[in-house]
Protein backbone atom coordinates (compact mmCIF):
# COMPACT_ATOMS: atom_id res chain seq x y z
CA MET A 1 117.18 99.58 100.08
CA LYS A 2 120.44 98.03 98.90
CA GLU A 3 121.74 98.03 102.47
CA ILE A 4 118.56 96.40 103.76
CA LYS A 5 118.83 93.68 101.11
CA ALA A 6 122.45 93.03 102.09
CA ILE A 7 121.46 92.78 105.76
CA ILE A 8 118.66 90.35 104.97
CA ALA A 9 120.97 88.21 102.82
CA ALA A 10 123.57 88.04 105.60
CA TYR A 11 120.89 87.33 108.22
CA ASP A 12 119.54 84.40 106.20
CA LYS A 13 123.01 82.82 106.16
CA ILE A 14 123.42 82.93 109.94
CA ASP A 15 123.48 79.63 111.81
CA PRO A 16 121.70 80.61 115.07
CA THR A 17 123.28 77.67 116.89
CA LEU A 18 126.71 79.19 116.29
CA THR A 19 126.19 82.92 115.92
CA ARG A 20 124.14 85.57 117.70
CA ALA A 21 123.29 88.95 116.25
CA ALA A 22 121.82 92.39 116.89
CA LEU A 23 120.46 95.06 114.60
CA ALA A 24 121.59 98.64 115.12
CA ILE A 25 119.39 101.37 113.68
CA VAL A 26 119.77 105.14 113.65
CA VAL A 27 116.54 106.47 115.15
CA ARG A 28 117.36 110.16 115.66
CA VAL A 29 119.75 112.65 114.11
CA GLU A 30 120.35 116.18 115.36
CA GLY A 31 122.67 118.38 113.36
CA SER A 32 125.06 116.93 110.80
CA SER A 33 125.60 113.22 110.27
CA TYR A 34 126.93 111.07 107.43
CA ARG A 35 123.96 108.68 107.75
CA ARG A 36 120.35 109.61 108.41
CA THR A 37 117.54 107.97 110.37
CA GLY A 38 116.83 104.45 109.19
CA ALA A 39 120.49 103.57 108.55
CA ARG A 40 121.08 100.01 109.74
CA MET A 41 123.92 97.74 110.73
CA LEU A 42 123.69 94.01 111.38
CA ASP A 43 126.24 93.13 114.10
CA LEU A 44 127.36 89.54 114.63
CA ASP A 45 128.98 88.36 117.84
CA ASP A 46 131.90 86.95 115.83
CA GLY A 47 133.04 90.49 115.05
CA ASN A 48 131.58 90.89 111.57
CA TRP A 49 128.98 93.44 110.51
CA ILE A 50 126.96 94.40 107.45
CA GLY A 51 125.67 97.88 106.70
CA GLY A 52 126.65 100.99 108.64
CA ILE A 53 125.45 103.76 110.92
CA SER A 54 128.15 106.31 110.09
CA GLY A 55 130.99 106.91 107.66
CA GLY A 56 133.10 104.41 109.58
CA CYS A 57 133.85 106.32 112.78
CA LEU A 58 131.23 104.65 114.98
CA GLU A 59 131.07 101.09 113.70
CA GLY A 60 133.80 99.74 115.99
CA ASP A 61 132.11 101.04 119.13
CA ALA A 62 128.72 100.00 117.77
CA LEU A 63 129.92 96.42 117.52
CA LYS A 64 130.82 96.48 121.22
CA ARG A 65 127.43 97.98 122.11
CA ALA A 66 125.69 95.33 120.05
CA ARG A 67 127.53 92.56 121.89
CA LEU A 68 126.37 94.02 125.21
CA ALA A 69 122.76 94.08 123.98
CA ILE A 70 123.12 90.47 122.83
CA ASN A 71 124.61 89.31 126.14
CA ASN A 72 121.97 91.17 128.16
CA SER A 73 119.13 90.07 125.83
CA GLU A 74 117.87 93.63 126.04
CA ALA A 75 117.69 96.52 123.59
CA SER A 76 119.70 99.63 124.43
CA LEU A 77 119.62 103.21 123.15
CA ILE A 78 123.02 104.88 122.79
CA THR A 79 123.65 108.54 122.00
CA TYR A 80 126.76 109.53 120.03
CA ASP A 81 127.49 113.24 120.38
CA THR A 82 130.16 114.62 118.06
CA SER A 83 129.09 118.23 118.52
CA GLU A 84 131.01 118.79 121.75
CA ASP A 85 134.79 118.98 122.10
CA ASP A 86 134.95 116.06 124.54
CA PRO A 87 138.03 113.84 124.00
CA HIS A 88 136.26 110.94 125.73
CA GLN A 89 133.35 110.94 123.29
CA ILE A 90 133.41 108.46 120.41
CA GLY A 91 133.54 110.21 117.03
CA VAL A 92 134.90 113.57 118.24
CA GLY A 93 137.44 115.17 115.90
CA LEU A 94 135.91 113.72 112.76
CA GLY A 95 134.00 116.87 111.86
CA CYS A 96 130.48 115.43 111.96
CA ASN A 97 129.17 118.03 114.42
CA GLY A 98 125.99 116.12 115.13
CA ILE A 99 124.17 113.92 117.61
CA ILE A 100 122.72 110.55 116.69
CA ASP A 101 120.73 108.04 118.70
CA VAL A 102 121.29 104.40 117.82
CA LEU A 103 119.05 101.59 119.04
CA PHE A 104 120.69 98.18 119.44
CA CYS A 105 118.18 95.32 119.26
CA PRO A 106 119.29 91.73 119.96
CA LEU A 107 117.69 89.41 117.42
CA ASP A 108 115.59 86.44 118.47
CA PHE A 109 115.76 84.03 115.53
CA ASN A 110 112.61 82.29 116.77
CA ASP A 111 110.60 85.51 116.64
CA PRO A 112 108.84 85.82 113.24
CA ASN A 113 108.46 89.55 113.91
CA ASN A 114 111.99 90.49 114.88
CA PRO A 115 113.28 93.66 113.12
CA VAL A 116 114.94 91.81 110.24
CA GLU A 117 111.99 89.50 109.67
CA LEU A 118 109.75 92.57 109.43
CA LEU A 119 112.04 94.02 106.78
CA LYS A 120 111.82 90.76 104.84
CA LYS A 121 108.03 90.94 104.90
CA CYS A 122 108.10 94.51 103.59
CA LEU A 123 110.36 93.58 100.69
CA LYS A 124 108.20 90.60 99.76
CA ALA A 125 105.00 92.68 99.80
CA ASN A 126 103.65 94.83 96.99
CA ARG A 127 105.47 98.02 96.02
CA GLU A 128 104.08 100.36 98.63
CA THR A 129 105.38 102.58 101.41
CA HIS A 130 105.44 100.59 104.65
CA THR A 131 105.26 102.12 108.11
CA LEU A 132 107.50 100.50 110.72
CA VAL A 133 107.28 101.48 114.38
CA THR A 134 109.95 100.74 116.99
CA ILE A 135 109.79 101.46 120.72
CA THR A 136 113.00 103.29 121.61
CA GLU A 137 112.26 104.25 125.22
CA LEU A 138 109.81 103.27 127.97
CA LYS A 139 109.19 105.08 131.26
CA LYS A 140 107.15 102.24 132.73
CA GLU A 141 106.78 98.63 131.66
CA LEU A 142 103.75 97.82 129.54
CA THR A 143 102.33 94.32 129.28
CA GLY A 144 103.89 92.61 126.24
CA ILE A 145 105.83 95.75 125.28
CA LYS A 146 109.51 96.45 125.85
CA LYS A 147 112.24 98.64 124.43
CA GLY A 148 113.10 97.46 120.94
CA TYR A 149 109.63 96.09 120.23
CA CYS A 150 108.77 96.74 116.60
CA PHE A 151 105.78 96.21 114.36
CA GLN A 152 104.36 97.17 111.00
CA TYR A 153 101.52 99.66 111.22
CA ASN A 154 98.35 98.94 109.25
CA GLY A 155 95.72 100.79 111.26
CA MET A 156 94.36 100.54 114.80
CA ASP A 157 94.16 96.74 114.61
CA THR A 158 97.95 96.56 114.70
CA LEU A 159 98.06 98.46 118.00
CA GLU A 160 96.28 95.83 120.09
CA GLU A 161 99.54 94.93 121.88
CA PHE A 162 99.15 98.28 123.64
CA GLU A 163 96.44 97.24 126.08
CA ASN A 164 95.90 100.82 127.23
CA LEU A 165 93.32 102.46 124.92
CA GLU A 166 94.71 105.92 125.65
CA ILE A 167 98.14 104.82 124.42
CA GLN A 168 96.63 103.09 121.37
CA GLU A 169 94.86 106.27 120.31
CA SER A 170 97.93 108.41 120.97
CA VAL A 171 100.20 106.09 118.98
CA ASP A 172 97.70 105.98 116.13
CA ARG A 173 97.50 109.76 116.06
CA LEU A 174 101.30 110.20 116.04
CA ILE A 175 101.80 107.63 113.28
CA LYS A 176 99.20 109.27 111.08
CA LYS A 177 100.90 112.63 111.68
CA GLN A 178 104.24 111.26 110.44
CA ILE A 179 102.59 109.63 107.44
CA ALA A 180 100.92 112.92 106.55
CA ALA A 181 104.27 114.70 106.82
CA GLN A 182 105.85 111.94 104.68
CA LYS A 183 108.94 111.65 106.83
CA SER A 184 110.38 109.36 109.47
CA GLY A 185 111.06 110.55 113.00
CA ILE A 186 110.89 110.14 116.76
CA SER A 187 107.60 110.82 118.57
CA THR A 188 107.00 110.81 122.32
CA ILE A 189 103.86 110.04 124.31
CA GLU A 190 103.17 111.14 127.88
CA THR A 191 100.03 109.72 129.54
CA ALA A 192 98.21 110.71 132.71
CA TYR A 193 99.37 107.43 134.26
CA GLY A 194 103.06 108.09 133.61
CA ASN A 195 103.29 105.46 130.88
CA GLY A 196 105.53 107.56 128.68
CA LEU A 197 107.23 106.06 125.63
CA SER A 198 109.15 107.13 122.56
CA LEU A 199 108.59 105.69 119.10
CA PHE A 200 110.70 105.69 115.97
CA ILE A 201 108.15 105.90 113.17
CA GLU A 202 109.81 105.00 109.89
CA LEU A 203 108.34 105.32 106.43
CA LEU A 204 109.97 102.73 104.20
CA PRO A 205 109.22 103.39 100.51
CA PRO A 206 109.93 100.80 97.82
CA GLU A 207 113.16 100.98 95.87
CA ILE A 208 113.24 103.31 92.87
CA HIS A 209 112.33 101.44 89.71
CA VAL A 210 113.82 102.50 86.39
CA VAL A 211 112.41 101.26 83.08
CA LEU A 212 114.91 101.52 80.23
CA MET A 213 113.19 101.47 76.84
CA GLY A 214 115.98 100.64 74.43
CA ASN A 215 118.40 97.95 73.33
CA GLN A 216 121.58 99.80 72.32
CA TYR A 217 124.98 99.29 73.99
CA ASP A 218 124.55 102.29 76.34
CA VAL A 219 121.83 100.38 78.18
CA PHE A 220 124.56 98.23 79.76
CA PRO A 221 126.50 100.95 81.67
CA MET A 222 123.20 102.54 82.66
CA CYS A 223 121.84 99.27 84.00
CA ARG A 224 125.10 98.45 85.75
CA LEU A 225 125.20 101.82 87.55
CA LEU A 226 121.56 101.65 88.61
CA LYS A 227 122.04 98.16 90.07
CA GLU A 228 125.14 99.36 91.95
CA ILE A 229 123.02 102.11 93.50
CA GLY A 230 120.48 99.49 94.53
CA TRP A 231 117.53 100.36 92.29
CA ARG A 232 115.26 98.00 90.42
CA VAL A 233 115.86 97.94 86.65
CA SER A 234 113.52 96.74 83.91
CA ILE A 235 114.40 96.77 80.23
CA VAL A 236 111.80 97.02 77.50
CA ALA A 237 113.25 95.73 74.24
CA ASN A 238 113.35 92.74 71.93
CA PRO A 239 115.34 90.19 74.01
CA LEU A 240 116.97 88.87 70.84
CA LYS A 241 118.62 92.27 70.33
CA LEU A 242 120.02 92.53 73.85
CA ASN A 243 123.49 91.56 74.98
CA PRO A 244 123.28 88.53 77.33
CA LYS A 245 125.24 90.53 79.94
CA ILE A 246 122.44 93.09 80.06
CA ILE A 247 119.78 90.42 80.42
CA ALA A 248 121.70 88.85 83.31
CA LEU A 249 122.08 92.20 85.07
CA ALA A 250 118.51 93.51 84.81
CA ASP A 251 115.73 92.51 87.20
CA GLU A 252 113.43 91.82 84.27
CA VAL A 253 113.30 92.12 80.49
CA LYS A 254 110.00 92.73 78.75
CA SER A 255 109.14 92.93 75.07
CA PRO A 256 107.51 96.16 73.84
CA ALA A 257 104.18 94.31 73.62
CA GLU A 258 104.35 93.50 77.34
CA PHE A 259 104.94 97.10 78.45
CA GLN A 260 101.28 97.87 79.14
CA ASN A 261 101.11 95.00 81.65
CA MET A 262 104.14 96.13 83.69
CA LEU A 263 103.78 97.43 87.25
CA ILE A 264 104.69 101.10 86.97
CA ASP A 265 103.95 103.28 89.98
CA GLU A 266 104.81 106.69 91.42
CA HIS A 267 108.28 105.39 92.36
CA THR A 268 109.11 104.48 88.75
CA ALA A 269 111.13 106.43 86.19
CA ILE A 270 110.84 105.64 82.48
CA ILE A 271 113.74 106.41 80.14
CA LEU A 272 113.24 106.53 76.36
CA MET A 273 116.66 105.63 74.97
CA SER A 274 116.08 103.63 71.79
CA HIS A 275 118.17 106.06 69.69
CA ASP A 276 115.40 105.77 67.12
CA PHE A 277 113.11 108.74 66.53
CA LYS A 278 110.09 106.69 65.47
CA THR A 279 110.40 104.26 68.39
CA ASP A 280 110.67 107.02 71.01
CA LYS A 281 107.72 108.78 69.42
CA ILE A 282 105.65 105.59 69.75
CA ASN A 283 106.81 104.98 73.32
CA LEU A 284 106.18 108.48 74.70
CA PRO A 285 102.34 108.25 74.72
CA LYS A 286 102.64 104.79 76.29
CA ALA A 287 104.85 106.18 79.04
CA LEU A 288 102.51 109.11 79.67
CA ASN A 289 99.67 106.63 80.11
CA THR A 290 101.34 105.26 83.26
CA ALA A 291 101.64 106.55 86.84
CA SER A 292 105.34 107.34 86.43
CA PRO A 293 106.19 110.88 87.59
CA TYR A 294 109.47 110.89 85.65
CA ILE A 295 109.70 110.28 81.90
CA GLY A 296 113.13 111.00 80.49
CA MET A 297 113.94 111.44 76.81
CA LEU A 298 117.51 110.89 75.66
CA GLY A 299 118.74 113.33 73.04
CA PRO A 300 118.72 117.09 72.37
CA LYS A 301 115.77 119.35 73.14
CA VAL A 302 115.11 119.97 69.43
CA ARG A 303 114.57 116.23 68.90
CA ALA A 304 112.09 116.03 71.77
CA GLN A 305 110.27 119.13 70.50
CA LYS A 306 109.92 117.55 67.07
CA ILE A 307 108.35 114.45 68.64
CA TRP A 308 105.91 116.60 70.62
CA ASP A 309 104.97 118.61 67.53
CA GLU A 310 104.36 115.54 65.39
CA LEU A 311 102.25 113.92 68.11
CA ALA A 312 100.21 117.13 68.39
CA GLU A 313 99.62 117.12 64.63
CA GLU A 314 98.35 113.55 64.96
CA GLY A 315 95.94 114.57 67.74
CA PHE A 316 97.99 113.59 70.80
CA ILE A 317 98.45 116.89 72.62
CA ILE A 318 100.63 116.95 75.73
CA ASP A 319 99.18 119.49 78.18
CA GLU A 320 101.14 121.53 80.72
CA THR A 321 100.54 119.09 83.57
CA GLU A 322 101.81 116.13 81.56
CA MET A 323 104.77 118.13 80.29
CA LYS A 324 106.00 118.52 83.89
CA ARG A 325 106.54 114.76 83.97
CA ILE A 326 108.78 114.85 80.91
CA TYR A 327 112.50 115.51 81.31
CA ALA A 328 114.05 116.35 77.97
CA PRO A 329 116.93 116.39 77.74
CA LEU A 330 117.19 114.25 80.86
CA GLY A 331 120.11 114.21 83.26
CA LEU A 332 122.25 116.78 85.04
CA ASP A 333 124.77 119.06 83.35
CA ILE A 334 128.07 117.51 84.50
CA GLY A 335 129.85 117.60 81.15
CA ALA A 336 129.30 113.88 80.54
CA ILE A 337 130.95 112.45 77.43
CA THR A 338 131.33 108.68 77.69
CA PRO A 339 128.39 106.24 78.07
CA GLU A 340 129.39 105.69 81.71
CA GLU A 341 129.49 109.41 82.44
CA ILE A 342 126.17 109.89 80.67
CA ALA A 343 124.71 107.11 82.82
CA LEU A 344 125.96 109.00 85.89
CA SER A 345 124.28 112.18 84.65
CA LEU A 346 120.98 110.40 84.00
CA ALA A 347 120.96 108.56 87.35
CA SER A 348 121.79 111.79 89.19
CA GLY A 349 118.90 113.56 87.48
CA ILE A 350 116.49 110.80 88.46
CA ARG A 351 117.64 110.86 92.09
CA ALA A 352 117.36 114.65 92.26
CA ALA A 353 113.83 114.61 90.83
CA PHE A 354 112.58 111.95 93.25
CA ALA A 355 114.20 113.81 96.16
CA GLY A 356 112.64 117.10 95.11
CA ARG A 357 116.07 118.69 94.56
CA ASP A 358 117.40 120.76 91.66
CA GLY A 359 120.73 118.94 91.38
CA ALA A 360 122.81 122.08 91.98
CA SER A 361 126.31 122.01 93.49
CA LEU A 362 126.29 121.69 97.29
CA LYS A 363 129.04 124.34 97.33
CA TYR A 364 126.40 127.00 96.79
CA ARG A 365 123.69 125.57 99.05
CA LYS A 366 122.76 128.08 101.75
CA THR A 367 120.85 125.65 103.98
CA PRO A 368 121.78 122.25 105.50
CA ILE A 369 121.87 119.31 103.08
CA HIS A 370 119.22 117.48 105.10
CA PRO A 371 116.36 118.96 107.18
CA ARG A 372 117.47 119.51 110.79
CA SER A 373 115.43 118.35 113.75
């Protein structure tokens, strides 16, 4: 999400009378690749770019491809194959051993639904997972549809541009299949009339939101790291007790009394880090009363157990299902000592939990880091 925000910010500064641009997006990955599907790069015809589609090996060539798409006013799909020992292939010798398809879409600044404008709409909307669909290939021309055409899916009503009912139903079925699988990917349609097309169906979830419930000095390195990653950060504390630098860095600061009115969803992690036993004990039931799937408690396990025991004695019993949401102690075991290292441990634990990973060393992983297509 941080990359998307940077692309939007750069796009908004463009003077269309002086500069033209194209958006490159990774739509398919086969094998190993530094970036995955959905990686984006805003290419300007003055030679500058924002974002990236690789670890740096493809960006130079991508800029040339983007200029061609801009000059031709037509989207193009380019395949980069680093799996073969071909000295003429861009990226060979860098050890990626993968194949990626990149779609280059020239941007029409007068089109309110160009790819970047659609991203802006998604970011301005409520915190929900958006489904973006981009046409990557067409066998035959369709009225009003061309390669690079993109739209946000919100049901059959958003498929009216496909005048062929057979294609509408097929597209709807494929999109729902990807949504059910909860992953982005390429889908292909072949009709009886030869109107075949390929779609990149992308699920764009909201940024991870972390709520820090505390006002001590370690909130600052934690907040700073989370913002560098690109996550949303809210702090729940008495503003008068917070360092002005923390207030300036966070997305929002709420008093403890305002906590119950905050938007906390399934993409939100709550961290109890007041360094005060009584305060964390008060805040834990409040946190469990939200939709957050991740509630972290700073401190040793014995401290957390004491809080649970006292709450149980007072009639607030945490059942097994609720206990799965609690991470105590939170973070990964990396030997963290300083506040900055502890922040790294906590952020890593949050990322692992939301990705469904155990946070183990990749050295011992027996399967590919990312699912292979």
